[in-house]
Amino acid sequence: MARTAEIKRKTGETVISVKINLDGNGKSTIDSGIGFLDHMLTALSKHSGIDIDVKCVGDLYVDGHHTVEDIGIALGMAFAKAIGDKVGIVRYGSARCPLDEALGDAVVDISGRPFLVFDCKFSSDMIGQMDTQLFEEFFRAFAFNAGITLHISSPYGINDHHKAEAMFKSLARALRQASSIDERFKNQVISTKGVL
């Protein structure tokens, strides 16, 4: 059964379409209107193996907030739809990815209980055209709409680009692990409750 989803979302601030394939090859077509976010979502796709297509037209004349948050919402909704009833998934995933002097750390539970713990201190206000305050907004929107518990951090690093990219790559690898099928439990949900 294909684990794919398509979400179309239109508000007074953004018009977004998202397609994902959890069992893809890490192919992506990303057009958010924010170059650095495109770079991060491309990395997320490549290192997770999830095919991701994102097209967003947002009110960037205001700032990037609505675009970044709404893409997180739509991508999370697509992930939740594609993962379905969670039967057979590994459920938990964790990864630590370095990028030069910076480290990214992500731990994921595809639990149905959304939560975010975010810990990263940036030294600059902007990376390219992306406000560094918006990384936490993206991860929160994604986690809450995907229905996952996400702890994500960059515990050290100097270069803000490296810290952000290390976090996205660690999230990618953690999602790849957590969403994969465990053959030993392929007809079960890994929970003492029997549901997630």
C-alpha atoms as a PDB file:
ATOM      1  CA  MET A   1       0.000   0.000   0.000  1.00  0.00           C
ATOM      2  CA  ALA A   2       1.432   3.339  -1.062  1.00  0.00           C
ATOM      3  CA  ARG A   3       2.223   5.704   1.775  1.00  0.00           C
ATOM      4  CA  THR A   4       1.575   8.914  -0.103  1.00  0.00           C
ATOM      5  CA  ALA A   5      -0.418  12.073   0.536  1.00  0.00           C
ATOM      6  CA  GLU A   6      -1.322  15.352  -1.075  1.00  0.00           C
ATOM      7  CA  ILE A   7      -2.443  18.441   0.823  1.00  0.00           C
ATOM      8  CA  LYS A   8      -3.737  21.683  -0.612  1.00  0.00           C
ATOM      9  CA  ARG A   9      -4.156  24.553   1.830  1.00  0.00           C
ATOM     10  CA  LYS A  10      -5.347  28.088   1.092  1.00  0.00           C
ATOM     11  CA  THR A  11      -5.632  30.937   3.569  1.00  0.00           C
ATOM     12  CA  GLY A  12      -5.619  34.717   3.318  1.00  0.00           C
ATOM     13  CA  GLU A  13      -1.849  34.549   3.777  1.00  0.00           C
ATOM     14  CA  THR A  14      -0.636  31.532   1.787  1.00  0.00           C
ATOM     15  CA  VAL A  15      -1.587  29.113  -0.969  1.00  0.00           C
ATOM     16  CA  ILE A  16       0.253  25.814  -0.549  1.00  0.00           C
ATOM     17  CA  SER A  17       0.335  22.426  -2.194  1.00  0.00           C
ATOM     18  CA  VAL A  18       2.367  19.550  -0.743  1.00  0.00           C
ATOM     19  CA  LYS A  19       2.887  16.003  -2.012  1.00  0.00           C
ATOM     20  CA  ILE A  20       4.903  13.364  -0.200  1.00  0.00           C
ATOM     21  CA  ASN A  21       5.845   9.724  -0.672  1.00  0.00           C
ATOM     22  CA  LEU A  22       7.274   8.177   2.487  1.00  0.00           C
ATOM     23  CA  ASP A  23       8.770   5.315   0.481  1.00  0.00           C
ATOM     24  CA  GLY A  24      10.416   7.464  -2.166  1.00  0.00           C
ATOM     25  CA  ASN A  25      14.019   8.087  -3.141  1.00  0.00           C
ATOM     26  CA  GLY A  26      14.557  11.530  -1.677  1.00  0.00           C
ATOM     27  CA  LYS A  27      13.480  13.421  -4.788  1.00  0.00           C
ATOM     28  CA  SER A  28      12.106  16.905  -4.283  1.00  0.00           C
ATOM     29  CA  THR A  29      10.755  19.963  -6.017  1.00  0.00           C
ATOM     30  CA  ILE A  30      10.626  22.835  -3.554  1.00  0.00           C
ATOM     31  CA  ASP A  31       9.452  26.396  -4.203  1.00  0.00           C
ATOM     32  CA  SER A  32       8.639  28.235  -0.987  1.00  0.00           C
ATOM     33  CA  GLY A  33       9.737  31.695  -2.070  1.00  0.00           C
ATOM     34  CA  ILE A  34      12.441  31.600   0.627  1.00  0.00           C
ATOM     35  CA  GLY A  35      15.701  30.277  -0.745  1.00  0.00           C
ATOM     36  CA  PHE A  36      17.167  29.002   2.517  1.00  0.00           C
ATOM     37  CA  LEU A  37      13.958  27.160   3.408  1.00  0.00           C
ATOM     38  CA  ASP A  38      14.061  25.536  -0.039  1.00  0.00           C
ATOM     39  CA  HIS A  39      17.596  24.384   0.758  1.00  0.00           C
ATOM     40  CA  MET A  40      16.495  22.921   4.122  1.00  0.00           C
ATOM     41  CA  LEU A  41      13.460  21.112   2.700  1.00  0.00           C
ATOM     42  CA  THR A  42      15.577  19.697  -0.117  1.00  0.00           C
ATOM     43  CA  ALA A  43      17.993  18.334   2.505  1.00  0.00           C
ATOM     44  CA  LEU A  44      15.063  16.955   4.532  1.00  0.00           C
ATOM     45  CA  SER A  45      13.831  15.075   1.472  1.00  0.00           C
ATOM     46  CA  LYS A  46      17.227  13.789   0.357  1.00  0.00           C
ATOM     47  CA  HIS A  47      18.344  12.450   3.730  1.00  0.00           C
ATOM     48  CA  SER A  48      14.975  10.984   4.762  1.00  0.00           C
ATOM     49  CA  GLY A  49      14.304   9.271   1.447  1.00  0.00           C
ATOM     50  CA  ILE A  50      10.885  10.931   1.449  1.00  0.00           C
ATOM     51  CA  ASP A  51       9.872  12.415  -1.895  1.00  0.00           C
ATOM     52  CA  ILE A  52       8.618  15.939  -1.206  1.00  0.00           C
ATOM     53  CA  ASP A  53       7.027  18.474  -3.527  1.00  0.00           C
ATOM     54  CA  VAL A  54       6.182  21.883  -2.066  1.00  0.00           C
ATOM     55  CA  LYS A  55       4.777  24.918  -3.830  1.00  0.00           C
ATOM     56  CA  CYS A  56       3.891  27.995  -1.790  1.00  0.00           C
ATOM     57  CA  VAL A  57       2.806  31.496  -2.707  1.00  0.00           C
ATOM     58  CA  GLY A  58       2.847  33.517   0.485  1.00  0.00           C
ATOM     59  CA  ASP A  59       2.665  37.091   1.700  1.00  0.00           C
ATOM     60  CA  LEU A  60       6.431  37.567   1.780  1.00  0.00           C
ATOM     61  CA  TYR A  61       5.940  41.324   1.515  1.00  0.00           C
ATOM     62  CA  VAL A  62       4.921  41.069   5.195  1.00  0.00           C
ATOM     63  CA  ASP A  63       7.704  38.694   6.235  1.00  0.00           C
ATOM     64  CA  GLY A  64       8.418  34.958   6.080  1.00  0.00           C
ATOM     65  CA  HIS A  65       6.427  33.907   9.143  1.00  0.00           C
ATOM     66  CA  HIS A  66       3.185  32.831   7.486  1.00  0.00           C
ATOM     67  CA  THR A  67       4.987  31.025   4.671  1.00  0.00           C
ATOM     68  CA  VAL A  68       7.302  29.064   6.976  1.00  0.00           C
ATOM     69  CA  GLU A  69       4.645  28.152   9.538  1.00  0.00           C
ATOM     70  CA  ASP A  70       2.024  27.222   6.938  1.00  0.00           C
ATOM     71  CA  ILE A  71       4.459  24.997   5.041  1.00  0.00           C
ATOM     72  CA  GLY A  72       5.188  23.265   8.357  1.00  0.00           C
ATOM     73  CA  ILE A  73       1.453  22.799   8.889  1.00  0.00           C
ATOM     74  CA  ALA A  74       0.822  21.402   5.400  1.00  0.00           C
ATOM     75  CA  LEU A  75       3.880  19.146   5.439  1.00  0.00           C
ATOM     76  CA  GLY A  76       2.862  17.821   8.858  1.00  0.00           C
ATOM     77  CA  MET A  77      -0.680  17.159   7.650  1.00  0.00           C
ATOM     78  CA  ALA A  78       0.702  15.290   4.646  1.00  0.00           C
ATOM     79  CA  PHE A  79       2.999  13.207   6.846  1.00  0.00           C
ATOM     80  CA  ALA A  80       0.132  12.260   9.178  1.00  0.00           C
ATOM     81  CA  LYS A  81      -2.057  11.277   6.242  1.00  0.00           C
ATOM     82  CA  ALA A  82       0.688   9.232   4.590  1.00  0.00           C
ATOM     83  CA  ILE A  83       1.714   7.392   7.776  1.00  0.00           C
ATOM     84  CA  GLY A  84      -1.911   6.327   8.272  1.00  0.00           C
ATOM     85  CA  ASP A  85      -2.753   3.931  11.117  1.00  0.00           C
ATOM     86  CA  LYS A  86       0.952   3.444  11.987  1.00  0.00           C
ATOM     87  CA  VAL A  87       0.715  -0.344  11.764  1.00  0.00           C
ATOM     88  CA  GLY A  88       4.171  -1.890  11.467  1.00  0.00           C
ATOM     89  CA  ILE A  89       6.242   1.270  11.823  1.00  0.00           C
ATOM     90  CA  VAL A  90       9.373   1.350  13.977  1.00  0.00           C
ATOM     91  CA  ARG A  91       7.797   4.398  15.656  1.00  0.00           C
ATOM     92  CA  TYR A  92      10.926   5.815  17.311  1.00  0.00           C
ATOM     93  CA  GLY A  93      13.882   7.373  15.574  1.00  0.00           C
ATOM     94  CA  SER A  94      16.937   9.333  16.572  1.00  0.00           C
ATOM     95  CA  ALA A  95      19.888  10.802  14.726  1.00  0.00           C
ATOM     96  CA  ARG A  96      22.873  13.041  15.336  1.00  0.00           C
ATOM     97  CA  CYS A  97      24.319  14.684  12.261  1.00  0.00           C
ATOM     98  CA  PRO A  98      27.408  16.873  12.197  1.00  0.00           C
ATOM     99  CA  LEU A  99      28.046  19.639   9.720  1.00  0.00           C
ATOM    100  CA  ASP A 100      31.601  20.805  10.202  1.00  0.00           C
ATOM    101  CA  GLU A 101      31.740  22.396  13.677  1.00  0.00           C
ATOM    102  CA  ALA A 102      27.979  22.163  14.321  1.00  0.00           C
ATOM    103  CA  LEU A 103      25.919  19.241  15.559  1.00  0.00           C
ATOM    104  CA  GLY A 104      22.244  18.530  14.964  1.00  0.00           C
ATOM    105  CA  ASP A 105      20.304  16.181  17.209  1.00  0.00           C
ATOM    106  CA  ALA A 106      16.751  14.902  16.636  1.00  0.00           C
ATOM    107  CA  VAL A 107      14.618  12.352  18.465  1.00  0.00           C
ATOM    108  CA  VAL A 108      11.181  11.428  17.094  1.00  0.00           C
ATOM    109  CA  ASP A 109       8.223   9.418  18.350  1.00  0.00           C
ATOM    110  CA  ILE A 110       5.412   8.964  15.828  1.00  0.00           C
ATOM    111  CA  SER A 111       3.065   8.775  18.769  1.00  0.00           C
ATOM    112  CA  GLY A 112      -0.072  10.692  17.915  1.00  0.00           C
ATOM    113  CA  ARG A 113       0.887  12.964  20.820  1.00  0.00           C
ATOM    114  CA  PRO A 114       2.305  16.164  19.354  1.00  0.00           C
ATOM    115  CA  PHE A 115       5.025  17.927  21.285  1.00  0.00           C
ATOM    116  CA  LEU A 116       8.109  19.976  20.510  1.00  0.00           C
ATOM    117  CA  VAL A 117      11.261  20.617  22.470  1.00  0.00           C
ATOM    118  CA  PHE A 118      13.531  22.978  20.530  1.00  0.00           C
ATOM    119  CA  ASP A 119      16.966  24.054  21.714  1.00  0.00           C
ATOM    120  CA  CYS A 120      19.185  26.094  19.429  1.00  0.00           C
ATOM    121  CA  LYS A 121      20.722  29.507  19.902  1.00  0.00           C
ATOM    122  CA  PHE A 122      21.446  31.428  16.719  1.00  0.00           C
ATOM    123  CA  SER A 123      23.902  34.312  16.649  1.00  0.00           C
ATOM    124  CA  SER A 124      22.336  36.036  13.616  1.00  0.00           C
ATOM    125  CA  ASP A 125      18.824  37.282  12.959  1.00  0.00           C
ATOM    126  CA  MET A 126      18.776  36.024   9.371  1.00  0.00           C
ATOM    127  CA  ILE A 127      20.223  33.225   7.250  1.00  0.00           C
ATOM    128  CA  GLY A 128      19.811  34.456   3.713  1.00  0.00           C
ATOM    129  CA  GLN A 129      16.191  35.563   3.544  1.00  0.00           C
ATOM    130  CA  MET A 130      15.041  33.387   6.456  1.00  0.00           C
ATOM    131  CA  ASP A 131      14.495  34.773   9.948  1.00  0.00           C
ATOM    132  CA  THR A 132      16.206  32.425  12.400  1.00  0.00           C
ATOM    133  CA  GLN A 133      13.234  32.736  14.799  1.00  0.00           C
ATOM    134  CA  LEU A 134      11.178  30.830  12.236  1.00  0.00           C
ATOM    135  CA  PHE A 135      13.002  27.510  12.556  1.00  0.00           C
ATOM    136  CA  GLU A 136      11.259  26.811  15.851  1.00  0.00           C
ATOM    137  CA  GLU A 137       7.942  27.857  14.276  1.00  0.00           C
ATOM    138  CA  PHE A 138       8.471  25.423  11.396  1.00  0.00           C
ATOM    139  CA  PHE A 139       9.374  22.495  13.634  1.00  0.00           C
ATOM    140  CA  ARG A 140       6.425  23.187  15.946  1.00  0.00           C
ATOM    141  CA  ALA A 141       3.943  23.433  13.063  1.00  0.00           C
ATOM    142  CA  PHE A 142       5.309  20.252  11.507  1.00  0.00           C
ATOM    143  CA  ALA A 143       5.359  18.243  14.751  1.00  0.00           C
ATOM    144  CA  PHE A 144       1.879  19.255  15.884  1.00  0.00           C
ATOM    145  CA  ASN A 145       0.259  18.581  12.519  1.00  0.00           C
ATOM    146  CA  ALA A 146       2.195  15.356  11.912  1.00  0.00           C
ATOM    147  CA  GLY A 147       1.174  14.111  15.363  1.00  0.00           C
ATOM    148  CA  ILE A 148       4.736  13.423  16.457  1.00  0.00           C
ATOM    149  CA  THR A 149       6.822  14.125  19.518  1.00  0.00           C
ATOM    150  CA  LEU A 150       9.972  15.923  18.361  1.00  0.00           C
ATOM    151  CA  HIS A 151      13.004  16.909  20.397  1.00  0.00           C
ATOM    152  CA  ILE A 152      15.421  18.795  18.162  1.00  0.00           C
ATOM    153  CA  SER A 153      18.517  20.783  18.957  1.00  0.00           C
ATOM    154  CA  SER A 154      21.898  22.026  17.909  1.00  0.00           C
ATOM    155  CA  PRO A 155      23.865  21.802  21.152  1.00  0.00           C
ATOM    156  CA  TYR A 156      26.916  23.524  19.711  1.00  0.00           C
ATOM    157  CA  GLY A 157      28.240  25.207  16.599  1.00  0.00           C
ATOM    158  CA  ILE A 158      29.445  28.572  15.370  1.00  0.00           C
ATOM    159  CA  ASN A 159      27.950  28.961  11.898  1.00  0.00           C
ATOM    160  CA  ASP A 160      24.157  29.432  11.911  1.00  0.00           C
ATOM    161  CA  HIS A 161      23.784  27.898   8.446  1.00  0.00           C
ATOM    162  CA  HIS A 162      25.561  24.783   9.678  1.00  0.00           C
ATOM    163  CA  LYS A 163      23.437  24.555  12.846  1.00  0.00           C
ATOM    164  CA  ALA A 164      20.156  24.810  10.940  1.00  0.00           C
ATOM    165  CA  GLU A 165      21.202  22.347   8.261  1.00  0.00           C
ATOM    166  CA  ALA A 166      22.493  19.844  10.819  1.00  0.00           C
ATOM    167  CA  MET A 167      19.093  19.936  12.544  1.00  0.00           C
ATOM    168  CA  PHE A 168      17.176  19.345   9.320  1.00  0.00           C
ATOM    169  CA  LYS A 169      19.465  16.463   8.385  1.00  0.00           C
ATOM    170  CA  SER A 170      19.119  14.886  11.818  1.00  0.00           C
ATOM    171  CA  LEU A 171      15.331  15.234  11.583  1.00  0.00           C
ATOM    172  CA  ALA A 172      15.449  13.579   8.159  1.00  0.00           C
ATOM    173  CA  ARG A 173      17.382  10.576   9.431  1.00  0.00           C
ATOM    174  CA  ALA A 174      15.205  10.243  12.543  1.00  0.00           C
ATOM    175  CA  LEU A 175      12.020  10.308  10.427  1.00  0.00           C
ATOM    176  CA  ARG A 176      13.508   7.757   8.040  1.00  0.00           C
ATOM    177  CA  GLN A 177      14.140   5.393  10.923  1.00  0.00           C
ATOM    178  CA  ALA A 178      10.854   5.981  12.759  1.00  0.00           C
ATOM    179  CA  SER A 179       8.607   5.689   9.686  1.00  0.00           C
ATOM    180  CA  SER A 180      10.249   2.537   8.323  1.00  0.00           C
ATOM    181  CA  ILE A 181       8.447  -0.800   8.596  1.00  0.00           C
ATOM    182  CA  ASP A 182       9.672  -3.263  11.214  1.00  0.00           C
ATOM    183  CA  GLU A 183       9.140  -6.715   9.694  1.00  0.00           C
ATOM    184  CA  ARG A 184       8.840  -8.301  13.151  1.00  0.00           C
ATOM    185  CA  PHE A 185       5.839  -6.107  13.928  1.00  0.00           C
ATOM    186  CA  LYS A 186       4.466  -5.488  10.446  1.00  0.00           C
ATOM    187  CA  ASN A 187       0.899  -6.349  11.478  1.00  0.00           C
ATOM    188  CA  GLN A 188       1.006  -4.590  14.837  1.00  0.00           C
ATOM    189  CA  VAL A 189       1.059  -1.130  16.317  1.00  0.00           C
ATOM    190  CA  ILE A 190       4.019  -0.825  18.674  1.00  0.00           C
ATOM    191  CA  SER A 191       2.120   0.388  21.717  1.00  0.00           C
ATOM    192  CA  THR A 192       0.823  -1.313  24.866  1.00  0.00           C
ATOM    193  CA  LYS A 193      -2.453   0.512  24.161  1.00  0.00           C
ATOM    194  CA  GLY A 194      -2.742  -1.170  20.761  1.00  0.00           C
ATOM    195  CA  VAL A 195      -3.264   2.174  19.011  1.00  0.00           C
ATOM    196  CA  LEU A 196      -1.284   5.315  18.386  1.00  0.00           C
END
